[in-house]
Amino acid sequence: MAKKILKIGHRGAMGHEPENTIRSFKKAIELNVDAIELDVYVCKTGELVVIHDDKVDRTTNGVGYTQDKTFAQLRQLDAGKGELIPTLEEVLDFVDKRVMVNIELKGRNTAIATYQVIDKYIKKHAWSALDFMVSSFDHHELNKFKQLAPQIPIGALLDGIPLSYSDCAVQLNAQSINLSVDFINQDFVNHAHNNGLKVYVYTVNDYDDIAEMEKLNIDGIFCNFPERLQ
């Protein structure tokens, strides 16, 4: 029997709907994902908002740095098809434990803010630690989060293969190492698995690439078109 590969909707189902919006997460769940992936920044007034870029220019009708704007200013923007930039709490309320949520720490001070939200949802809304995954390219911020919430699985994001392969993820006490499809190879996957790590690959949209990932025996795929992972 073929190994089950975790189906992760990248920023929801951004191949179909505006990324990192409730509309996108709704579509991903409709397409039977196991998890959704999203990105967070702390805005000027302290709210944890779900947006990928350090500036709002690409994904909204606004301009300027995400962290320099108040929540009220961010809420005036159109994030695509009339969607608003959501808070992490709004996304968790919508998901309501139906799928896992992979939160990528993007901006400064996101570790503490993300920990506070997750802690609230575990204590007050009956979420489990295993309903969450937290990842980041910023391994210092990721380490800060792990110190606060050792029970929450974390994933070390990489955009290339280090000389030491997956050792950085072991050092972080991570559960997974998340690597770009552009760099993944069998030696890396084997090294990670030998270290007890899962290997998740981003962003895999092409059918041929998806088939290649399956041959490498990876554990999860981030995809903009989740229906391609059926």
C-alpha atoms as a PDB file:
ATOM      1  CA  MET A   1       0.000   0.000   0.000  1.00  0.00           C
ATOM      2  CA  ALA A   2       1.308   3.450  -0.923  1.00  0.00           C
ATOM      3  CA  LYS A   3       2.445   5.669   1.929  1.00  0.00           C
ATOM      4  CA  LYS A   4       0.010   8.464   2.798  1.00  0.00           C
ATOM      5  CA  ILE A   5       1.424  11.852   1.901  1.00  0.00           C
ATOM      6  CA  LEU A   6       0.067  14.805   3.876  1.00  0.00           C
ATOM      7  CA  LYS A   7      -1.889  17.138   1.564  1.00  0.00           C
ATOM      8  CA  ILE A   8      -1.212  20.733   2.587  1.00  0.00           C
ATOM      9  CA  GLY A   9      -3.095  23.604   0.938  1.00  0.00           C
ATOM     10  CA  HIS A  10      -0.520  26.353   0.334  1.00  0.00           C
ATOM     11  CA  ARG A  11      -1.949  29.664   1.614  1.00  0.00           C
ATOM     12  CA  GLY A  12      -5.256  27.816   1.338  1.00  0.00           C
ATOM     13  CA  ALA A  13      -5.953  26.951  -2.273  1.00  0.00           C
ATOM     14  CA  MET A  14      -4.213  29.948  -3.810  1.00  0.00           C
ATOM     15  CA  GLY A  15      -4.333  28.484  -7.292  1.00  0.00           C
ATOM     16  CA  HIS A  16      -8.093  29.051  -7.161  1.00  0.00           C
ATOM     17  CA  GLU A  17      -8.771  31.869  -4.680  1.00  0.00           C
ATOM     18  CA  PRO A  18      -6.962  34.930  -3.235  1.00  0.00           C
ATOM     19  CA  GLU A  19      -4.156  33.601  -1.036  1.00  0.00           C
ATOM     20  CA  ASN A  20      -4.364  33.619   2.756  1.00  0.00           C
ATOM     21  CA  THR A  21      -8.058  34.583   2.791  1.00  0.00           C
ATOM     22  CA  ILE A  22     -11.005  32.788   4.372  1.00  0.00           C
ATOM     23  CA  ARG A  23     -12.261  32.156   0.842  1.00  0.00           C
ATOM     24  CA  SER A  24      -8.992  30.373   0.004  1.00  0.00           C
ATOM     25  CA  PHE A  25      -9.035  28.275   3.175  1.00  0.00           C
ATOM     26  CA  LYS A  26     -12.672  27.311   2.516  1.00  0.00           C
ATOM     27  CA  LYS A  27     -11.739  26.111  -0.977  1.00  0.00           C
ATOM     28  CA  ALA A  28      -8.795  24.088   0.373  1.00  0.00           C
ATOM     29  CA  ILE A  29     -11.023  22.298   2.883  1.00  0.00           C
ATOM     30  CA  GLU A  30     -13.557  21.596   0.122  1.00  0.00           C
ATOM     31  CA  LEU A  31     -10.682  19.991  -1.830  1.00  0.00           C
ATOM     32  CA  ASN A  32     -10.014  17.569   1.055  1.00  0.00           C
ATOM     33  CA  VAL A  33      -6.663  18.823   2.346  1.00  0.00           C
ATOM     34  CA  ASP A  34      -5.184  17.386   5.527  1.00  0.00           C
ATOM     35  CA  ALA A  35      -3.792  20.795   6.502  1.00  0.00           C
ATOM     36  CA  ILE A  36      -3.761  24.415   5.429  1.00  0.00           C
ATOM     37  CA  GLU A  37      -0.638  26.587   5.456  1.00  0.00           C
ATOM     38  CA  LEU A  38      -0.720  30.304   6.204  1.00  0.00           C
ATOM     39  CA  ASP A  39       1.667  33.159   7.041  1.00  0.00           C
ATOM     40  CA  VAL A  40       1.549  35.644   9.920  1.00  0.00           C
ATOM     41  CA  TYR A  41       2.812  39.123  10.741  1.00  0.00           C
ATOM     42  CA  VAL A  42       2.211  41.307  13.789  1.00  0.00           C
ATOM     43  CA  CYS A  43       0.746  44.632  12.643  1.00  0.00           C
ATOM     44  CA  LYS A  44       1.369  48.036  14.241  1.00  0.00           C
ATOM     45  CA  THR A  45      -1.459  47.689  16.784  1.00  0.00           C
ATOM     46  CA  GLY A  46      -0.406  44.186  17.843  1.00  0.00           C
ATOM     47  CA  GLU A  47      -2.893  41.955  16.014  1.00  0.00           C
ATOM     48  CA  LEU A  48      -1.589  38.791  14.360  1.00  0.00           C
ATOM     49  CA  VAL A  49      -2.665  39.056  10.727  1.00  0.00           C
ATOM     50  CA  VAL A  50      -2.561  36.444   7.982  1.00  0.00           C
ATOM     51  CA  ILE A  51      -0.581  37.733   5.003  1.00  0.00           C
ATOM     52  CA  HIS A  52       2.519  36.470   3.195  1.00  0.00           C
ATOM     53  CA  ASP A  53       4.535  39.565   2.291  1.00  0.00           C
ATOM     54  CA  ASP A  54       6.236  42.231   4.372  1.00  0.00           C
ATOM     55  CA  LYS A  55       4.356  44.731   2.160  1.00  0.00           C
ATOM     56  CA  VAL A  56       0.677  44.719   1.239  1.00  0.00           C
ATOM     57  CA  ASP A  57       1.304  45.813  -2.369  1.00  0.00           C
ATOM     58  CA  ARG A  58       1.191  42.422  -4.140  1.00  0.00           C
ATOM     59  CA  THR A  59      -1.830  40.835  -2.484  1.00  0.00           C
ATOM     60  CA  THR A  60      -4.073  43.840  -1.794  1.00  0.00           C
ATOM     61  CA  ASN A  61      -5.086  47.180  -3.308  1.00  0.00           C
ATOM     62  CA  GLY A  62      -2.927  49.000  -0.752  1.00  0.00           C
ATOM     63  CA  VAL A  63       0.730  50.015  -0.509  1.00  0.00           C
ATOM     64  CA  GLY A  64       3.280  49.970   2.305  1.00  0.00           C
ATOM     65  CA  TYR A  65       4.709  47.725   4.964  1.00  0.00           C
ATOM     66  CA  THR A  66       2.376  45.316   6.748  1.00  0.00           C
ATOM     67  CA  GLN A  67       4.024  45.921  10.148  1.00  0.00           C
ATOM     68  CA  ASP A  68       3.664  49.713   9.807  1.00  0.00           C
ATOM     69  CA  LYS A  69      -0.120  49.588   9.426  1.00  0.00           C
ATOM     70  CA  THR A  70      -2.758  49.469  12.142  1.00  0.00           C
ATOM     71  CA  PHE A  71      -5.316  46.699  12.095  1.00  0.00           C
ATOM     72  CA  ALA A  72      -7.993  49.232  11.120  1.00  0.00           C
ATOM     73  CA  GLN A  73      -5.892  50.328   8.120  1.00  0.00           C
ATOM     74  CA  LEU A  74      -5.307  46.730   7.034  1.00  0.00           C
ATOM     75  CA  ARG A  75      -9.030  45.965   7.262  1.00  0.00           C
ATOM     76  CA  GLN A  76      -9.791  48.707   4.740  1.00  0.00           C
ATOM     77  CA  LEU A  77      -7.856  46.824   2.051  1.00  0.00           C
ATOM     78  CA  ASP A  78      -9.229  44.388  -0.514  1.00  0.00           C
ATOM     79  CA  ALA A  79      -7.219  41.143  -0.371  1.00  0.00           C
ATOM     80  CA  GLY A  80      -8.875  39.885  -3.595  1.00  0.00           C
ATOM     81  CA  LYS A  81     -12.517  39.285  -4.590  1.00  0.00           C
ATOM     82  CA  GLY A  82     -13.595  41.574  -1.756  1.00  0.00           C
ATOM     83  CA  GLU A  83     -11.897  39.438   0.912  1.00  0.00           C
ATOM     84  CA  LEU A  84     -10.394  41.020   4.024  1.00  0.00           C
ATOM     85  CA  ILE A  85      -6.978  40.273   5.509  1.00  0.00           C
ATOM     86  CA  PRO A  86      -7.969  37.890   8.333  1.00  0.00           C
ATOM     87  CA  THR A  87      -6.531  37.543  11.799  1.00  0.00           C
ATOM     88  CA  LEU A  88      -5.118  34.183  12.842  1.00  0.00           C
ATOM     89  CA  GLU A  89      -8.002  33.832  15.293  1.00  0.00           C
ATOM     90  CA  GLU A  90     -10.572  34.358  12.538  1.00  0.00           C
ATOM     91  CA  VAL A  91      -8.946  31.608  10.481  1.00  0.00           C
ATOM     92  CA  LEU A  92      -8.874  29.211  13.439  1.00  0.00           C
ATOM     93  CA  ASP A  93     -12.534  29.965  14.185  1.00  0.00           C
ATOM     94  CA  PHE A  94     -13.392  29.186  10.558  1.00  0.00           C
ATOM     95  CA  VAL A  95     -11.307  26.005  10.379  1.00  0.00           C
ATOM     96  CA  ASP A  96     -12.709  24.793  13.709  1.00  0.00           C
ATOM     97  CA  LYS A  97     -10.397  21.772  13.981  1.00  0.00           C
ATOM     98  CA  ARG A  98     -11.497  20.301  10.628  1.00  0.00           C
ATOM     99  CA  VAL A  99      -7.886  20.216   9.348  1.00  0.00           C
ATOM    100  CA  MET A 100      -4.433  20.908  10.766  1.00  0.00           C
ATOM    101  CA  VAL A 101      -3.098  24.455  10.547  1.00  0.00           C
ATOM    102  CA  ASN A 102       0.527  25.139   9.582  1.00  0.00           C
ATOM    103  CA  ILE A 103       1.448  28.649  10.702  1.00  0.00           C
ATOM    104  CA  GLU A 104       4.552  30.151   9.120  1.00  0.00           C
ATOM    105  CA  LEU A 105       6.220  32.852  11.224  1.00  0.00           C
ATOM    106  CA  LYS A 106       7.105  35.644   8.806  1.00  0.00           C
ATOM    107  CA  GLY A 107       7.641  38.885  10.695  1.00  0.00           C
ATOM    108  CA  ARG A 108       9.377  40.129  13.833  1.00  0.00           C
ATOM    109  CA  ASN A 109       7.990  38.999  17.194  1.00  0.00           C
ATOM    110  CA  THR A 110       5.618  36.484  15.652  1.00  0.00           C
ATOM    111  CA  ALA A 111       6.758  33.629  17.911  1.00  0.00           C
ATOM    112  CA  ILE A 112       5.312  35.112  21.100  1.00  0.00           C
ATOM    113  CA  ALA A 113       2.096  36.342  19.456  1.00  0.00           C
ATOM    114  CA  THR A 114       1.523  32.977  17.757  1.00  0.00           C
ATOM    115  CA  TYR A 115       2.180  31.102  20.990  1.00  0.00           C
ATOM    116  CA  GLN A 116      -0.418  33.251  22.787  1.00  0.00           C
ATOM    117  CA  VAL A 117      -3.096  32.515  20.185  1.00  0.00           C
ATOM    118  CA  ILE A 118      -2.358  28.773  20.047  1.00  0.00           C
ATOM    119  CA  ASP A 119      -2.289  28.529  23.842  1.00  0.00           C
ATOM    120  CA  LYS A 120      -5.706  30.203  23.985  1.00  0.00           C
ATOM    121  CA  TYR A 121      -7.212  27.801  21.433  1.00  0.00           C
ATOM    122  CA  ILE A 122      -5.839  24.753  23.224  1.00  0.00           C
ATOM    123  CA  LYS A 123      -7.054  25.905  26.643  1.00  0.00           C
ATOM    124  CA  LYS A 124     -10.397  27.470  25.701  1.00  0.00           C
ATOM    125  CA  HIS A 125     -11.485  25.920  22.404  1.00  0.00           C
ATOM    126  CA  ALA A 126     -10.447  22.252  22.822  1.00  0.00           C
ATOM    127  CA  TRP A 127      -7.799  22.302  20.088  1.00  0.00           C
ATOM    128  CA  SER A 128      -4.950  19.833  20.496  1.00  0.00           C
ATOM    129  CA  ALA A 129      -1.227  20.504  20.152  1.00  0.00           C
ATOM    130  CA  LEU A 130      -1.240  18.185  17.132  1.00  0.00           C
ATOM    131  CA  ASP A 131      -3.824  20.355  15.353  1.00  0.00           C
ATOM    132  CA  PHE A 132      -0.980  22.830  14.782  1.00  0.00           C
ATOM    133  CA  MET A 133       2.354  22.976  13.021  1.00  0.00           C
ATOM    134  CA  VAL A 134       4.587  26.060  13.217  1.00  0.00           C
ATOM    135  CA  SER A 135       7.338  26.711  10.675  1.00  0.00           C
ATOM    136  CA  SER A 136       9.756  29.455   9.669  1.00  0.00           C
ATOM    137  CA  PHE A 137      12.851  30.308   7.660  1.00  0.00           C
ATOM    138  CA  ASP A 138      13.849  32.383  10.706  1.00  0.00           C
ATOM    139  CA  HIS A 139      15.242  29.618  12.892  1.00  0.00           C
ATOM    140  CA  HIS A 140      15.877  32.029  15.781  1.00  0.00           C
ATOM    141  CA  GLU A 141      12.186  32.951  15.870  1.00  0.00           C
ATOM    142  CA  LEU A 142      11.267  29.279  15.484  1.00  0.00           C
ATOM    143  CA  ASN A 143      13.533  28.351  18.390  1.00  0.00           C
ATOM    144  CA  LYS A 144      11.895  31.062  20.495  1.00  0.00           C
ATOM    145  CA  PHE A 145       8.498  29.521  19.737  1.00  0.00           C
ATOM    146  CA  LYS A 146       9.726  26.009  20.586  1.00  0.00           C
ATOM    147  CA  GLN A 147      10.948  27.210  23.986  1.00  0.00           C
ATOM    148  CA  LEU A 148       7.475  28.624  24.689  1.00  0.00           C
ATOM    149  CA  ALA A 149       5.506  25.642  23.385  1.00  0.00           C
ATOM    150  CA  PRO A 150       7.636  22.472  23.264  1.00  0.00           C
ATOM    151  CA  GLN A 151       4.538  20.317  22.669  1.00  0.00           C
ATOM    152  CA  ILE A 152       3.685  21.981  19.324  1.00  0.00           C
ATOM    153  CA  PRO A 153       5.331  20.377  16.258  1.00  0.00           C
ATOM    154  CA  ILE A 154       7.661  22.729  14.382  1.00  0.00           C
ATOM    155  CA  GLY A 155       9.129  22.614  10.897  1.00  0.00           C
ATOM    156  CA  ALA A 156      12.446  24.147   9.865  1.00  0.00           C
ATOM    157  CA  LEU A 157      12.057  25.825   6.475  1.00  0.00           C
ATOM    158  CA  LEU A 158      15.009  25.776   4.061  1.00  0.00           C
ATOM    159  CA  ASP A 159      15.418  27.110   0.531  1.00  0.00           C
ATOM    160  CA  GLY A 160      18.557  25.103  -0.183  1.00  0.00           C
ATOM    161  CA  ILE A 161      20.412  22.086   1.171  1.00  0.00           C
ATOM    162  CA  PRO A 162      22.933  22.942   3.921  1.00  0.00           C
ATOM    163  CA  LEU A 163      26.263  21.111   4.103  1.00  0.00           C
ATOM    164  CA  SER A 164      24.951  19.364   7.192  1.00  0.00           C
ATOM    165  CA  TYR A 165      21.698  18.307   5.492  1.00  0.00           C
ATOM    166  CA  SER A 166      18.951  18.126   8.140  1.00  0.00           C
ATOM    167  CA  ASP A 167      21.094  18.646  11.251  1.00  0.00           C
ATOM    168  CA  CYS A 168      19.733  22.179  11.761  1.00  0.00           C
ATOM    169  CA  ALA A 169      16.229  20.737  12.251  1.00  0.00           C
ATOM    170  CA  VAL A 170      17.547  18.233  14.793  1.00  0.00           C
ATOM    171  CA  GLN A 171      19.225  21.082  16.669  1.00  0.00           C
ATOM    172  CA  LEU A 172      15.867  22.897  16.811  1.00  0.00           C
ATOM    173  CA  ASN A 173      14.121  19.747  18.051  1.00  0.00           C
ATOM    174  CA  ALA A 174      11.863  20.046  14.993  1.00  0.00           C
ATOM    175  CA  GLN A 175       9.420  17.382  13.856  1.00  0.00           C
ATOM    176  CA  SER A 176       9.836  18.165  10.154  1.00  0.00           C
ATOM    177  CA  ILE A 177      12.159  19.822   7.699  1.00  0.00           C
ATOM    178  CA  ASN A 178      10.440  21.705   4.875  1.00  0.00           C
ATOM    179  CA  LEU A 179      12.415  22.077   1.656  1.00  0.00           C
ATOM    180  CA  SER A 180      11.847  23.636  -1.774  1.00  0.00           C
ATOM    181  CA  VAL A 181      10.993  21.300  -4.650  1.00  0.00           C
ATOM    182  CA  ASP A 182      13.904  22.947  -6.496  1.00  0.00           C
ATOM    183  CA  PHE A 183      16.478  21.373  -4.156  1.00  0.00           C
ATOM    184  CA  ILE A 184      15.046  18.127  -2.817  1.00  0.00           C
ATOM    185  CA  ASN A 185      16.916  14.878  -3.506  1.00  0.00           C
ATOM    186  CA  GLN A 186      16.960  11.312  -2.197  1.00  0.00           C
ATOM    187  CA  ASP A 187      20.097  11.773  -0.059  1.00  0.00           C
ATOM    188  CA  PHE A 188      18.476  14.673   1.780  1.00  0.00           C
ATOM    189  CA  VAL A 189      15.242  12.723   2.357  1.00  0.00           C
ATOM    190  CA  ASN A 190      17.178   9.708   3.651  1.00  0.00           C
ATOM    191  CA  HIS A 191      19.281  11.867   5.993  1.00  0.00           C
ATOM    192  CA  ALA A 192      16.171  13.512   7.415  1.00  0.00           C
ATOM    193  CA  HIS A 193      14.336  10.222   7.888  1.00  0.00           C
ATOM    194  CA  ASN A 194      17.387   8.729   9.583  1.00  0.00           C
ATOM    195  CA  ASN A 195      17.245  11.689  11.981  1.00  0.00           C
ATOM    196  CA  GLY A 196      13.587  10.935  12.751  1.00  0.00           C
ATOM    197  CA  LEU A 197      12.298  13.920  10.775  1.00  0.00           C
ATOM    198  CA  LYS A 198       9.402  14.160   8.370  1.00  0.00           C
ATOM    199  CA  VAL A 199      10.102  15.847   5.014  1.00  0.00           C
ATOM    200  CA  TYR A 200       7.557  18.299   3.594  1.00  0.00           C
ATOM    201  CA  VAL A 201       8.169  19.858   0.181  1.00  0.00           C
ATOM    202  CA  TYR A 202       6.970  23.235  -1.160  1.00  0.00           C
ATOM    203  CA  THR A 203       5.493  24.342  -3.557  1.00  0.00           C
ATOM    204  CA  VAL A 204       4.667  21.383  -5.797  1.00  0.00           C
ATOM    205  CA  ASN A 205       2.005  22.153  -8.419  1.00  0.00           C
ATOM    206  CA  ASP A 206       3.082  20.257 -11.529  1.00  0.00           C
ATOM    207  CA  TYR A 207       1.730  16.703 -11.949  1.00  0.00           C
ATOM    208  CA  ASP A 208       5.135  15.359 -12.987  1.00  0.00           C
ATOM    209  CA  ASP A 209       6.778  16.964  -9.954  1.00  0.00           C
ATOM    210  CA  ILE A 210       4.110  15.487  -7.679  1.00  0.00           C
ATOM    211  CA  ALA A 211       4.866  12.023  -9.098  1.00  0.00           C
ATOM    212  CA  GLU A 212       8.606  12.576  -8.540  1.00  0.00           C
ATOM    213  CA  MET A 213       8.001  13.594  -4.916  1.00  0.00           C
ATOM    214  CA  GLU A 214       6.082  10.380  -4.313  1.00  0.00           C
ATOM    215  CA  LYS A 215       9.075   8.369  -5.575  1.00  0.00           C
ATOM    216  CA  LEU A 216      11.342  10.156  -3.062  1.00  0.00           C
ATOM    217  CA  ASN A 217       9.211   8.849  -0.170  1.00  0.00           C
ATOM    218  CA  ILE A 218       8.510  12.304   1.268  1.00  0.00           C
ATOM    219  CA  ASP A 219       5.863  12.891   3.940  1.00  0.00           C
ATOM    220  CA  GLY A 220       3.920  15.951   2.809  1.00  0.00           C
ATOM    221  CA  ILE A 221       3.393  18.342  -0.099  1.00  0.00           C
ATOM    222  CA  PHE A 222       2.445  22.023  -0.087  1.00  0.00           C
ATOM    223  CA  CYS A 223       0.340  22.695  -3.206  1.00  0.00           C
ATOM    224  CA  ASN A 224      -1.572  25.667  -4.669  1.00  0.00           C
ATOM    225  CA  PHE A 225      -4.011  23.239  -6.349  1.00  0.00           C
ATOM    226  CA  PRO A 226      -4.797  20.654  -3.643  1.00  0.00           C
ATOM    227  CA  GLU A 227      -7.029  18.585  -5.939  1.00  0.00           C
ATOM    228  CA  ARG A 228      -3.888  17.543  -7.836  1.00  0.00           C
ATOM    229  CA  LEU A 229      -2.741  15.610  -4.755  1.00  0.00           C
ATOM    230  CA  GLN A 230      -5.702  13.184  -4.729  1.00  0.00           C
END
